[in-house]
């Protein structure tokens, strides 16, 4: 006997509702699984080396320098400028794009540490990473930029500051006689300071007890090292007398070489008992060609400085023109002269021909 139409419709309608509910449940379960998977992927992505590097690069300009130093273990010089380490990292990473889609990564990582080479158009940068354990977020170890060692040789009577911080004389590594004055019984002393861990040339200022202050021009660094000898300005009340002495001494020495002056005329400008005095005394001048006249031209003072009380150097150049009768001979003169006051008069302690 065939089922009635009403009963058939009831059976088909019940199955349809069950199927829809079953599909809805599967869909909800699928959404739940997808949501969990998405969250897991987000956590994985957030803890990945790539995410750590991108976050580090994007946050570097505003990062806390003390925190960066603590994370890196880098020993910054106490005489470095505030913010210098962060700025050095910014400069080191400035070519690296901060956008993830512009970077590629080559990883060499173990469970807890390793390196990642960040590749970008035009270059690459290697960064060290670490983490506390498996599944923990990766952290970038801030890199160590190239450092500079700065050696300063300064007269003992000068006070120095480096990037605004006083440099105590007690921090000097050694003291030595100033170059050119080693033969004096009491030569002026230079103190040697060595500053390490600097990221750039520092601003060095020197001052005298009378308050005179100036910025020191440092020698450009080579292979991570720079060495500068500091001299104070020649005192204003000694400048004219020092230049007059240097001119007369240089001319007397040149005339002595050409046999236009005798030793006594040169010796009046020399500090007694020095190697320079003995060298001049025994100098053979008989090789010089006979001539009928001479003159000095193009005199120029190129600089000078004070290395201690009553001890100053001065550099000058001039041309010594000798008239041989049938032609003119020009002898270029370029001296650095180390002079000291003796009983109120300047005397030449040593001479360097440049």
C-alpha atoms as a PDB file:
ATOM      1  CA  UNK A   1       0.000   0.000   0.000  1.00  0.00           C
ATOM      2  CA  UNK A   2       1.549   3.354  -1.076  1.00  0.00           C
ATOM      3  CA  UNK A   3       2.404   6.015   1.491  1.00  0.00           C
ATOM      4  CA  UNK A   4       0.188   8.975   1.534  1.00  0.00           C
ATOM      5  CA  UNK A   5       1.495  12.218  -0.001  1.00  0.00           C
ATOM      6  CA  UNK A   6       1.285  14.065   3.324  1.00  0.00           C
ATOM      7  CA  UNK A   7       3.452  11.523   5.090  1.00  0.00           C
ATOM      8  CA  UNK A   8       6.075  11.660   2.319  1.00  0.00           C
ATOM      9  CA  UNK A   9       6.247  15.439   2.523  1.00  0.00           C
ATOM     10  CA  UNK A  10       6.774  15.234   6.308  1.00  0.00           C
ATOM     11  CA  UNK A  11       9.668  12.789   5.927  1.00  0.00           C
ATOM     12  CA  UNK A  12      11.372  14.837   3.208  1.00  0.00           C
ATOM     13  CA  UNK A  13      10.969  18.068   5.225  1.00  0.00           C
ATOM     14  CA  UNK A  14      12.545  16.534   8.369  1.00  0.00           C
ATOM     15  CA  UNK A  15      15.564  15.263   6.475  1.00  0.00           C
ATOM     16  CA  UNK A  16      16.066  18.647   4.830  1.00  0.00           C
ATOM     17  CA  UNK A  17      16.116  20.449   8.173  1.00  0.00           C
ATOM     18  CA  UNK A  18      18.594  17.938   9.623  1.00  0.00           C
ATOM     19  CA  UNK A  19      20.891  18.339   6.611  1.00  0.00           C
ATOM     20  CA  UNK A  20      20.847  22.108   6.905  1.00  0.00           C
ATOM     21  CA  UNK A  21      21.653  21.919  10.624  1.00  0.00           C
ATOM     22  CA  UNK A  22      24.426  19.458   9.946  1.00  0.00           C
ATOM     23  CA  UNK A  23      25.932  21.702   7.265  1.00  0.00           C
ATOM     24  CA  UNK A  24      25.678  24.717   9.566  1.00  0.00           C
ATOM     25  CA  UNK A  25      27.455  22.825  12.335  1.00  0.00           C
ATOM     26  CA  UNK A  26      30.206  21.798   9.945  1.00  0.00           C
ATOM     27  CA  UNK A  27      30.545  25.377   8.748  1.00  0.00           C
ATOM     28  CA  UNK A  28      30.767  26.682  12.319  1.00  0.00           C
ATOM     29  CA  UNK A  29      33.315  24.031  13.174  1.00  0.00           C
ATOM     30  CA  UNK A  30      35.307  24.934  10.082  1.00  0.00           C
ATOM     31  CA  UNK A  31      35.223  28.615  10.987  1.00  0.00           C
ATOM     32  CA  UNK A  32      36.338  27.779  14.511  1.00  0.00           C
ATOM     33  CA  UNK A  33      39.236  25.695  13.203  1.00  0.00           C
ATOM     34  CA  UNK A  34      40.176  28.377  10.686  1.00  0.00           C
ATOM     35  CA  UNK A  35      40.088  31.050  13.405  1.00  0.00           C
ATOM     36  CA  UNK A  36      42.354  28.987  15.631  1.00  0.00           C
ATOM     37  CA  UNK A  37      44.673  28.315  12.718  1.00  0.00           C
ATOM     38  CA  UNK A  38      44.715  32.004  11.821  1.00  0.00           C
ATOM     39  CA  UNK A  39      45.549  32.971  15.383  1.00  0.00           C
ATOM     40  CA  UNK A  40      48.292  30.341  15.476  1.00  0.00           C
ATOM     41  CA  UNK A  41      49.712  31.666  12.222  1.00  0.00           C
ATOM     42  CA  UNK A  42      49.580  35.215  13.588  1.00  0.00           C
ATOM     43  CA  UNK A  43      51.443  34.133  16.720  1.00  0.00           C
ATOM     44  CA  UNK A  44      53.998  32.271  14.630  1.00  0.00           C
ATOM     45  CA  UNK A  45      54.433  35.257  12.356  1.00  0.00           C
ATOM     46  CA  UNK A  46      54.772  37.654  15.292  1.00  0.00           C
ATOM     47  CA  UNK A  47      57.441  35.409  16.830  1.00  0.00           C
ATOM     48  CA  UNK A  48      59.340  34.829  13.583  1.00  0.00           C
ATOM     49  CA  UNK A  49      62.857  36.140  12.844  1.00  0.00           C
ATOM     50  CA  UNK A  50      61.463  38.193   9.960  1.00  0.00           C
ATOM     51  CA  UNK A  51      58.977  39.963  12.228  1.00  0.00           C
ATOM     52  CA  UNK A  52      61.689  40.649  14.833  1.00  0.00           C
ATOM     53  CA  UNK A  53      63.941  42.215  12.206  1.00  0.00           C
ATOM     54  CA  UNK A  54      61.164  44.329  10.676  1.00  0.00           C
ATOM     55  CA  UNK A  55      60.098  45.568  14.122  1.00  0.00           C
ATOM     56  CA  UNK A  56      63.704  46.374  15.030  1.00  0.00           C
ATOM     57  CA  UNK A  57      64.293  48.394  11.863  1.00  0.00           C
ATOM     58  CA  UNK A  58      61.030  50.326  12.146  1.00  0.00           C
ATOM     59  CA  UNK A  59      61.528  51.183  15.834  1.00  0.00           C
ATOM     60  CA  UNK A  60      65.225  52.026  15.713  1.00  0.00           C
ATOM     61  CA  UNK A  61      64.987  55.839  15.224  1.00  0.00           C
ATOM     62  CA  UNK A  62      62.922  56.203  18.424  1.00  0.00           C
ATOM     63  CA  UNK A  63      64.484  53.379  20.435  1.00  0.00           C
ATOM     64  CA  UNK A  64      65.811  53.942  23.950  1.00  0.00           C
ATOM     65  CA  UNK A  65      69.614  54.112  23.738  1.00  0.00           C
ATOM     66  CA  UNK A  66      70.196  52.679  27.220  1.00  0.00           C
ATOM     67  CA  UNK A  67      68.040  49.683  26.335  1.00  0.00           C
ATOM     68  CA  UNK A  68      69.901  49.200  23.062  1.00  0.00           C
ATOM     69  CA  UNK A  69      73.239  49.276  24.875  1.00  0.00           C
ATOM     70  CA  UNK A  70      72.027  46.790  27.492  1.00  0.00           C
ATOM     71  CA  UNK A  71      70.819  44.406  24.774  1.00  0.00           C
ATOM     72  CA  UNK A  72      74.012  44.661  22.723  1.00  0.00           C
ATOM     73  CA  UNK A  73      76.643  44.554  25.465  1.00  0.00           C
ATOM     74  CA  UNK A  74      78.554  47.258  23.578  1.00  0.00           C
ATOM     75  CA  UNK A  75      81.068  49.226  25.701  1.00  0.00           C
ATOM     76  CA  UNK A  76      80.453  52.852  24.787  1.00  0.00           C
ATOM     77  CA  UNK A  77      83.106  55.395  25.703  1.00  0.00           C
ATOM     78  CA  UNK A  78      82.063  57.567  28.661  1.00  0.00           C
ATOM     79  CA  UNK A  79      83.177  60.539  26.557  1.00  0.00           C
ATOM     80  CA  UNK A  80      80.794  59.797  23.691  1.00  0.00           C
ATOM     81  CA  UNK A  81      77.887  62.123  22.931  1.00  0.00           C
ATOM     82  CA  UNK A  82      74.416  61.106  24.208  1.00  0.00           C
ATOM     83  CA  UNK A  83      72.469  59.356  21.471  1.00  0.00           C
ATOM     84  CA  UNK A  84      75.630  58.495  19.519  1.00  0.00           C
ATOM     85  CA  UNK A  85      75.087  54.734  19.675  1.00  0.00           C
ATOM     86  CA  UNK A  86      71.491  54.894  18.479  1.00  0.00           C
ATOM     87  CA  UNK A  87      72.510  57.272  15.692  1.00  0.00           C
ATOM     88  CA  UNK A  88      75.343  54.932  14.684  1.00  0.00           C
ATOM     89  CA  UNK A  89      72.840  52.075  14.359  1.00  0.00           C
ATOM     90  CA  UNK A  90      70.496  54.283  12.348  1.00  0.00           C
ATOM     91  CA  UNK A  91      73.379  55.133  10.016  1.00  0.00           C
ATOM     92  CA  UNK A  92      74.371  51.464   9.788  1.00  0.00           C
ATOM     93  CA  UNK A  93      70.832  50.422   8.817  1.00  0.00           C
ATOM     94  CA  UNK A  94      69.814  53.486   6.820  1.00  0.00           C
ATOM     95  CA  UNK A  95      70.046  51.707   3.456  1.00  0.00           C
ATOM     96  CA  UNK A  96      67.802  48.846   4.605  1.00  0.00           C
ATOM     97  CA  UNK A  97      64.094  49.323   3.682  1.00  0.00           C
ATOM     98  CA  UNK A  98      61.799  48.974   6.698  1.00  0.00           C
ATOM     99  CA  UNK A  99      58.977  47.446   4.639  1.00  0.00           C
ATOM    100  CA  UNK A 100      58.792  43.653   4.852  1.00  0.00           C
ATOM    101  CA  UNK A 101      57.860  43.180   1.199  1.00  0.00           C
ATOM    102  CA  UNK A 102      61.129  44.838   0.123  1.00  0.00           C
ATOM    103  CA  UNK A 103      63.312  42.406   2.061  1.00  0.00           C
ATOM    104  CA  UNK A 104      64.510  38.838   1.632  1.00  0.00           C
ATOM    105  CA  UNK A 105      66.072  36.745   4.382  1.00  0.00           C
ATOM    106  CA  UNK A 106      68.781  34.113   4.473  1.00  0.00           C
ATOM    107  CA  UNK A 107      68.664  32.373   7.869  1.00  0.00           C
ATOM    108  CA  UNK A 108      71.198  30.336   9.788  1.00  0.00           C
ATOM    109  CA  UNK A 109      69.447  29.691  13.097  1.00  0.00           C
ATOM    110  CA  UNK A 110      69.677  27.040  15.766  1.00  0.00           C
ATOM    111  CA  UNK A 111      66.995  26.509  18.406  1.00  0.00           C
ATOM    112  CA  UNK A 112      67.849  29.667  20.317  1.00  0.00           C
ATOM    113  CA  UNK A 113      70.302  31.800  18.341  1.00  0.00           C
ATOM    114  CA  UNK A 114      71.849  32.483  14.969  1.00  0.00           C
ATOM    115  CA  UNK A 115      72.218  35.038  12.216  1.00  0.00           C
ATOM    116  CA  UNK A 116      69.946  36.330   9.497  1.00  0.00           C
ATOM    117  CA  UNK A 117      71.268  38.009   6.375  1.00  0.00           C
ATOM    118  CA  UNK A 118      68.828  40.690   5.277  1.00  0.00           C
ATOM    119  CA  UNK A 119      68.916  41.094   1.511  1.00  0.00           C
ATOM    120  CA  UNK A 120      67.591  44.165  -0.253  1.00  0.00           C
ATOM    121  CA  UNK A 121      68.117  45.984  -3.493  1.00  0.00           C
ATOM    122  CA  UNK A 122      71.646  47.315  -3.512  1.00  0.00           C
ATOM    123  CA  UNK A 123      73.047  45.504  -0.494  1.00  0.00           C
ATOM    124  CA  UNK A 124      72.712  43.290   2.560  1.00  0.00           C
ATOM    125  CA  UNK A 125      73.057  43.394   6.333  1.00  0.00           C
ATOM    126  CA  UNK A 126      73.724  40.525   8.756  1.00  0.00           C
ATOM    127  CA  UNK A 127      71.991  40.617  12.144  1.00  0.00           C
ATOM    128  CA  UNK A 128      72.332  38.329  15.160  1.00  0.00           C
ATOM    129  CA  UNK A 129      69.144  37.008  16.793  1.00  0.00           C
ATOM    130  CA  UNK A 130      68.374  35.103  19.993  1.00  0.00           C
ATOM    131  CA  UNK A 131      65.407  33.856  22.020  1.00  0.00           C
ATOM    132  CA  UNK A 132      64.799  32.348  25.441  1.00  0.00           C
ATOM    133  CA  UNK A 133      63.525  29.014  24.147  1.00  0.00           C
ATOM    134  CA  UNK A 134      61.533  27.188  21.493  1.00  0.00           C
ATOM    135  CA  UNK A 135      58.302  29.002  20.671  1.00  0.00           C
ATOM    136  CA  UNK A 136      59.462  32.246  22.319  1.00  0.00           C
ATOM    137  CA  UNK A 137      59.722  35.460  20.310  1.00  0.00           C
ATOM    138  CA  UNK A 138      62.977  36.149  18.487  1.00  0.00           C
ATOM    139  CA  UNK A 139      64.919  39.276  19.471  1.00  0.00           C
ATOM    140  CA  UNK A 140      67.480  41.174  17.425  1.00  0.00           C
ATOM    141  CA  UNK A 141      70.799  41.777  19.165  1.00  0.00           C
ATOM    142  CA  UNK A 142      71.696  45.388  18.295  1.00  0.00           C
ATOM    143  CA  UNK A 143      74.832  45.275  16.116  1.00  0.00           C
ATOM    144  CA  UNK A 144      78.225  46.675  17.053  1.00  0.00           C
ATOM    145  CA  UNK A 145      79.240  49.582  14.795  1.00  0.00           C
ATOM    146  CA  UNK A 146      82.837  50.370  13.912  1.00  0.00           C
ATOM    147  CA  UNK A 147      84.626  52.304  16.647  1.00  0.00           C
ATOM    148  CA  UNK A 148      87.379  54.881  16.720  1.00  0.00           C
ATOM    149  CA  UNK A 149      90.423  55.224  18.974  1.00  0.00           C
ATOM    150  CA  UNK A 150      91.522  58.803  19.618  1.00  0.00           C
ATOM    151  CA  UNK A 151      94.964  59.634  21.051  1.00  0.00           C
ATOM    152  CA  UNK A 152      95.568  63.157  22.323  1.00  0.00           C
ATOM    153  CA  UNK A 153      98.956  64.650  23.237  1.00  0.00           C
ATOM    154  CA  UNK A 154      98.411  67.855  25.188  1.00  0.00           C
ATOM    155  CA  UNK A 155     100.669  70.210  27.147  1.00  0.00           C
ATOM    156  CA  UNK A 156     100.313  69.589  30.859  1.00  0.00           C
ATOM    157  CA  UNK A 157      99.120  73.142  31.539  1.00  0.00           C
ATOM    158  CA  UNK A 158      96.017  72.746  29.338  1.00  0.00           C
ATOM    159  CA  UNK A 159      92.587  71.625  30.549  1.00  0.00           C
ATOM    160  CA  UNK A 160      90.656  69.441  28.081  1.00  0.00           C
ATOM    161  CA  UNK A 161      87.008  68.536  27.594  1.00  0.00           C
ATOM    162  CA  UNK A 162      85.719  65.813  25.253  1.00  0.00           C
ATOM    163  CA  UNK A 163      82.140  66.238  24.041  1.00  0.00           C
ATOM    164  CA  UNK A 164      81.589  68.543  26.988  1.00  0.00           C
ATOM    165  CA  UNK A 165      82.966  66.160  29.654  1.00  0.00           C
ATOM    166  CA  UNK A 166      86.179  67.152  31.490  1.00  0.00           C
ATOM    167  CA  UNK A 167      89.191  64.938  30.746  1.00  0.00           C
ATOM    168  CA  UNK A 168      91.149  64.755  34.036  1.00  0.00           C
ATOM    169  CA  UNK A 169      94.940  64.834  33.851  1.00  0.00           C
ATOM    170  CA  UNK A 170      94.905  61.765  36.106  1.00  0.00           C
ATOM    171  CA  UNK A 171      93.553  59.724  33.202  1.00  0.00           C
ATOM    172  CA  UNK A 172      96.654  60.345  31.084  1.00  0.00           C
ATOM    173  CA  UNK A 173      98.529  57.155  30.182  1.00  0.00           C
ATOM    174  CA  UNK A 174     101.953  58.773  30.214  1.00  0.00           C
ATOM    175  CA  UNK A 175     103.903  62.025  30.243  1.00  0.00           C
ATOM    176  CA  UNK A 176     106.776  62.837  27.913  1.00  0.00           C
ATOM    177  CA  UNK A 177     109.024  65.711  26.921  1.00  0.00           C
ATOM    178  CA  UNK A 178     107.524  67.783  24.135  1.00  0.00           C
ATOM    179  CA  UNK A 179     109.039  67.095  20.736  1.00  0.00           C
ATOM    180  CA  UNK A 180     111.875  69.498  19.940  1.00  0.00           C
ATOM    181  CA  UNK A 181     112.581  70.285  23.600  1.00  0.00           C
ATOM    182  CA  UNK A 182     113.994  66.975  24.840  1.00  0.00           C
ATOM    183  CA  UNK A 183     117.456  68.492  25.468  1.00  0.00           C
ATOM    184  CA  UNK A 184     116.278  71.120  27.917  1.00  0.00           C
ATOM    185  CA  UNK A 185     116.973  70.465  31.586  1.00  0.00           C
ATOM    186  CA  UNK A 186     113.258  70.975  32.285  1.00  0.00           C
ATOM    187  CA  UNK A 187     111.433  70.394  29.002  1.00  0.00           C
ATOM    188  CA  UNK A 188     107.711  71.133  28.706  1.00  0.00           C
ATOM    189  CA  UNK A 189     105.644  67.998  29.301  1.00  0.00           C
ATOM    190  CA  UNK A 190     102.967  66.466  27.084  1.00  0.00           C
ATOM    191  CA  UNK A 191     100.291  64.208  28.571  1.00  0.00           C
ATOM    192  CA  UNK A 192      99.060  61.290  26.451  1.00  0.00           C
ATOM    193  CA  UNK A 193      95.348  60.416  26.575  1.00  0.00           C
ATOM    194  CA  UNK A 194      93.779  57.448  24.760  1.00  0.00           C
ATOM    195  CA  UNK A 195      90.012  57.380  24.227  1.00  0.00           C
ATOM    196  CA  UNK A 196      88.511  54.115  22.964  1.00  0.00           C
ATOM    197  CA  UNK A 197      84.994  53.074  21.974  1.00  0.00           C
ATOM    198  CA  UNK A 198      84.205  56.333  20.186  1.00  0.00           C
ATOM    199  CA  UNK A 199      81.774  56.186  17.281  1.00  0.00           C
ATOM    200  CA  UNK A 200      82.821  59.444  15.635  1.00  0.00           C
ATOM    201  CA  UNK A 201      85.430  62.159  15.975  1.00  0.00           C
ATOM    202  CA  UNK A 202      84.719  63.878  19.295  1.00  0.00           C
ATOM    203  CA  UNK A 203      84.498  67.588  19.939  1.00  0.00           C
ATOM    204  CA  UNK A 204      87.648  68.417  21.911  1.00  0.00           C
ATOM    205  CA  UNK A 205      88.105  71.789  23.564  1.00  0.00           C
ATOM    206  CA  UNK A 206      91.201  73.080  25.350  1.00  0.00           C
ATOM    207  CA  UNK A 207      91.534  75.958  27.782  1.00  0.00           C
ATOM    208  CA  UNK A 208      94.295  77.855  29.567  1.00  0.00           C
ATOM    209  CA  UNK A 209      94.291  78.932  33.214  1.00  0.00           C
ATOM    210  CA  UNK A 210      93.522  82.505  32.089  1.00  0.00           C
ATOM    211  CA  UNK A 211      90.231  81.334  30.546  1.00  0.00           C
ATOM    212  CA  UNK A 212      91.344  81.279  26.908  1.00  0.00           C
ATOM    213  CA  UNK A 213      89.397  78.474  25.223  1.00  0.00           C
ATOM    214  CA  UNK A 214      89.404  77.013  21.702  1.00  0.00           C
ATOM    215  CA  UNK A 215      88.242  73.957  19.780  1.00  0.00           C
ATOM    216  CA  UNK A 216      90.975  71.519  18.790  1.00  0.00           C
ATOM    217  CA  UNK A 217      91.157  70.473  15.146  1.00  0.00           C
ATOM    218  CA  UNK A 218      91.655  66.698  15.154  1.00  0.00           C
ATOM    219  CA  UNK A 219      93.672  64.755  12.614  1.00  0.00           C
ATOM    220  CA  UNK A 220      91.387  62.766  10.252  1.00  0.00           C
ATOM    221  CA  UNK A 221      91.207  59.095  11.316  1.00  0.00           C
ATOM    222  CA  UNK A 222      92.994  56.322   9.429  1.00  0.00           C
ATOM    223  CA  UNK A 223      92.078  52.665   9.942  1.00  0.00           C
ATOM    224  CA  UNK A 224      90.068  53.481  13.041  1.00  0.00           C
ATOM    225  CA  UNK A 225      92.790  55.570  14.722  1.00  0.00           C
ATOM    226  CA  UNK A 226      93.444  59.273  15.031  1.00  0.00           C
ATOM    227  CA  UNK A 227      96.361  60.967  16.790  1.00  0.00           C
ATOM    228  CA  UNK A 228      96.581  64.687  17.443  1.00  0.00           C
ATOM    229  CA  UNK A 229      99.178  66.794  19.229  1.00  0.00           C
ATOM    230  CA  UNK A 230      97.644  69.883  20.780  1.00  0.00           C
ATOM    231  CA  UNK A 231      99.405  73.199  21.226  1.00  0.00           C
ATOM    232  CA  UNK A 232      98.151  76.352  22.856  1.00  0.00           C
ATOM    233  CA  UNK A 233      98.113  79.606  20.888  1.00  0.00           C
ATOM    234  CA  UNK A 234     101.279  81.653  21.134  1.00  0.00           C
ATOM    235  CA  UNK A 235     100.606  84.290  23.824  1.00  0.00           C
ATOM    236  CA  UNK A 236      99.705  87.598  22.226  1.00  0.00           C
ATOM    237  CA  UNK A 237     102.485  89.450  24.061  1.00  0.00           C
ATOM    238  CA  UNK A 238     105.084  86.987  22.669  1.00  0.00           C
ATOM    239  CA  UNK A 239     103.892  86.719  19.046  1.00  0.00           C
ATOM    240  CA  UNK A 240     105.706  89.720  17.559  1.00  0.00           C
ATOM    241  CA  UNK A 241     108.974  88.981  19.354  1.00  0.00           C
ATOM    242  CA  UNK A 242     108.824  85.305  18.360  1.00  0.00           C
ATOM    243  CA  UNK A 243     108.268  86.131  14.674  1.00  0.00           C
ATOM    244  CA  UNK A 244     111.103  88.679  14.693  1.00  0.00           C
ATOM    245  CA  UNK A 245     113.439  86.119  16.300  1.00  0.00           C
ATOM    246  CA  UNK A 246     112.430  83.351  13.852  1.00  0.00           C
ATOM    247  CA  UNK A 247     113.010  85.601  10.845  1.00  0.00           C
ATOM    248  CA  UNK A 248     116.442  86.715  12.052  1.00  0.00           C
ATOM    249  CA  UNK A 249     117.538  83.207  13.093  1.00  0.00           C
ATOM    250  CA  UNK A 250     116.446  81.612   9.784  1.00  0.00           C
ATOM    251  CA  UNK A 251     118.203  84.283   7.758  1.00  0.00           C
ATOM    252  CA  UNK A 252     121.380  84.050   9.830  1.00  0.00           C
ATOM    253  CA  UNK A 253     121.432  80.266   9.375  1.00  0.00           C
ATOM    254  CA  UNK A 254     120.943  80.580   5.605  1.00  0.00           C
ATOM    255  CA  UNK A 255     123.703  83.196   5.363  1.00  0.00           C
ATOM    256  CA  UNK A 256     126.000  80.977   7.407  1.00  0.00           C
ATOM    257  CA  UNK A 257     125.450  78.116   4.950  1.00  0.00           C
ATOM    258  CA  UNK A 258     126.361  80.420   2.043  1.00  0.00           C
ATOM    259  CA  UNK A 259     129.381  81.826   3.971  1.00  0.00           C
ATOM    260  CA  UNK A 260     127.834  85.304   4.299  1.00  0.00           C
ATOM    261  CA  UNK A 261     127.810  85.001   8.123  1.00  0.00           C
ATOM    262  CA  UNK A 262     130.203  83.425  10.611  1.00  0.00           C
ATOM    263  CA  UNK A 263     129.359  80.955  13.356  1.00  0.00           C
ATOM    264  CA  UNK A 264     129.236  83.589  16.090  1.00  0.00           C
ATOM    265  CA  UNK A 265     126.416  85.387  14.261  1.00  0.00           C
ATOM    266  CA  UNK A 266     124.359  82.175  14.142  1.00  0.00           C
ATOM    267  CA  UNK A 267     125.332  81.033  17.632  1.00  0.00           C
ATOM    268  CA  UNK A 268     123.696  84.160  19.098  1.00  0.00           C
ATOM    269  CA  UNK A 269     120.319  82.550  18.272  1.00  0.00           C
ATOM    270  CA  UNK A 270     121.102  79.005  19.526  1.00  0.00           C
ATOM    271  CA  UNK A 271     120.430  77.454  22.928  1.00  0.00           C
ATOM    272  CA  UNK A 272     123.883  76.534  24.253  1.00  0.00           C
ATOM    273  CA  UNK A 273     124.914  72.914  24.594  1.00  0.00           C
ATOM    274  CA  UNK A 274     122.358  71.425  22.206  1.00  0.00           C
ATOM    275  CA  UNK A 275     122.886  69.005  19.337  1.00  0.00           C
ATOM    276  CA  UNK A 276     121.754  71.778  16.991  1.00  0.00           C
ATOM    277  CA  UNK A 277     124.532  74.084  18.175  1.00  0.00           C
ATOM    278  CA  UNK A 278     127.123  71.361  17.667  1.00  0.00           C
ATOM    279  CA  UNK A 279     125.753  70.514  14.199  1.00  0.00           C
ATOM    280  CA  UNK A 280     125.892  74.138  13.087  1.00  0.00           C
ATOM    281  CA  UNK A 281     129.388  74.582  14.538  1.00  0.00           C
ATOM    282  CA  UNK A 282     130.766  71.644  12.544  1.00  0.00           C
ATOM    283  CA  UNK A 283     128.807  72.276   9.348  1.00  0.00           C
ATOM    284  CA  UNK A 284     130.916  72.206   6.193  1.00  0.00           C
ATOM    285  CA  UNK A 285     130.059  75.385   4.255  1.00  0.00           C
ATOM    286  CA  UNK A 286     132.951  75.412   1.793  1.00  0.00           C
ATOM    287  CA  UNK A 287     130.967  73.632  -0.901  1.00  0.00           C
ATOM    288  CA  UNK A 288     128.892  76.731  -1.571  1.00  0.00           C
ATOM    289  CA  UNK A 289     129.517  78.513  -4.862  1.00  0.00           C
ATOM    290  CA  UNK A 290     130.996  82.013  -4.703  1.00  0.00           C
ATOM    291  CA  UNK A 291     128.438  84.752  -5.321  1.00  0.00           C
ATOM    292  CA  UNK A 292     128.184  88.519  -5.414  1.00  0.00           C
ATOM    293  CA  UNK A 293     124.972  89.097  -3.449  1.00  0.00           C
ATOM    294  CA  UNK A 294     121.908  87.581  -1.807  1.00  0.00           C
ATOM    295  CA  UNK A 295     118.403  88.506  -0.622  1.00  0.00           C
ATOM    296  CA  UNK A 296     115.316  87.010   1.053  1.00  0.00           C
ATOM    297  CA  UNK A 297     111.890  86.998  -0.603  1.00  0.00           C
ATOM    298  CA  UNK A 298     108.338  85.700  -0.153  1.00  0.00           C
ATOM    299  CA  UNK A 299     108.478  85.386   3.623  1.00  0.00           C
ATOM    300  CA  UNK A 300     105.439  83.617   5.095  1.00  0.00           C
ATOM    301  CA  UNK A 301     104.592  82.488   8.640  1.00  0.00           C
ATOM    302  CA  UNK A 302     102.558  79.288   8.457  1.00  0.00           C
ATOM    303  CA  UNK A 303     101.664  78.720  12.093  1.00  0.00           C
ATOM    304  CA  UNK A 304     102.899  78.363  15.619  1.00  0.00           C
ATOM    305  CA  UNK A 305     101.962  77.198  19.065  1.00  0.00           C
ATOM    306  CA  UNK A 306     102.902  77.116  22.701  1.00  0.00           C
ATOM    307  CA  UNK A 307     103.884  73.795  24.327  1.00  0.00           C
ATOM    308  CA  UNK A 308     104.661  75.148  27.761  1.00  0.00           C
ATOM    309  CA  UNK A 309     105.633  78.281  29.662  1.00  0.00           C
ATOM    310  CA  UNK A 310     108.092  80.221  27.492  1.00  0.00           C
ATOM    311  CA  UNK A 311     108.357  77.383  24.919  1.00  0.00           C
ATOM    312  CA  UNK A 312     106.891  78.047  21.474  1.00  0.00           C
ATOM    313  CA  UNK A 313     107.323  76.632  18.003  1.00  0.00           C
ATOM    314  CA  UNK A 314     106.859  78.568  14.801  1.00  0.00           C
ATOM    315  CA  UNK A 315     106.845  77.555  11.143  1.00  0.00           C
ATOM    316  CA  UNK A 316     107.981  79.843   8.361  1.00  0.00           C
ATOM    317  CA  UNK A 317     109.090  79.702   4.763  1.00  0.00           C
ATOM    318  CA  UNK A 318     110.942  82.101   2.478  1.00  0.00           C
ATOM    319  CA  UNK A 319     113.120  82.106  -0.627  1.00  0.00           C
ATOM    320  CA  UNK A 320     116.863  82.794  -0.372  1.00  0.00           C
ATOM    321  CA  UNK A 321     117.955  84.294  -3.675  1.00  0.00           C
ATOM    322  CA  UNK A 322     121.688  84.139  -4.406  1.00  0.00           C
ATOM    323  CA  UNK A 323     123.226  86.230  -7.218  1.00  0.00           C
ATOM    324  CA  UNK A 324     125.989  84.230  -8.858  1.00  0.00           C
ATOM    325  CA  UNK A 325     126.687  87.000 -11.382  1.00  0.00           C
ATOM    326  CA  UNK A 326     125.865  84.952 -14.446  1.00  0.00           C
ATOM    327  CA  UNK A 327     122.570  83.581 -13.005  1.00  0.00           C
ATOM    328  CA  UNK A 328     120.218  83.682 -10.028  1.00  0.00           C
ATOM    329  CA  UNK A 329     119.934  80.663  -7.704  1.00  0.00           C
ATOM    330  CA  UNK A 330     116.916  80.358  -5.392  1.00  0.00           C
ATOM    331  CA  UNK A 331     117.120  78.219  -2.246  1.00  0.00           C
ATOM    332  CA  UNK A 332     113.651  77.467  -0.744  1.00  0.00           C
ATOM    333  CA  UNK A 333     113.639  77.662   3.063  1.00  0.00           C
ATOM    334  CA  UNK A 334     110.923  75.946   5.114  1.00  0.00           C
ATOM    335  CA  UNK A 335     111.616  75.516   8.831  1.00  0.00           C
ATOM    336  CA  UNK A 336     109.765  74.536  11.963  1.00  0.00           C
ATOM    337  CA  UNK A 337     111.682  76.188  14.768  1.00  0.00           C
ATOM    338  CA  UNK A 338     111.416  75.151  18.437  1.00  0.00           C
ATOM    339  CA  UNK A 339     112.336  78.142  20.571  1.00  0.00           C
ATOM    340  CA  UNK A 340     112.460  78.864  24.294  1.00  0.00           C
ATOM    341  CA  UNK A 341     113.044  81.998  26.322  1.00  0.00           C
ATOM    342  CA  UNK A 342     116.427  82.185  28.072  1.00  0.00           C
ATOM    343  CA  UNK A 343     117.079  85.184  30.275  1.00  0.00           C
ATOM    344  CA  UNK A 344     114.407  87.136  28.413  1.00  0.00           C
ATOM    345  CA  UNK A 345     115.639  86.296  24.896  1.00  0.00           C
ATOM    346  CA  UNK A 346     114.420  83.635  22.477  1.00  0.00           C
ATOM    347  CA  UNK A 347     116.885  80.848  21.697  1.00  0.00           C
ATOM    348  CA  UNK A 348     116.580  78.037  19.154  1.00  0.00           C
ATOM    349  CA  UNK A 349     116.523  74.628  20.853  1.00  0.00           C
ATOM    350  CA  UNK A 350     116.018  72.555  17.684  1.00  0.00           C
ATOM    351  CA  UNK A 351     115.205  73.016  14.021  1.00  0.00           C
ATOM    352  CA  UNK A 352     113.248  70.884  11.559  1.00  0.00           C
ATOM    353  CA  UNK A 353     113.661  71.407   7.834  1.00  0.00           C
ATOM    354  CA  UNK A 354     110.394  70.706   6.002  1.00  0.00           C
END
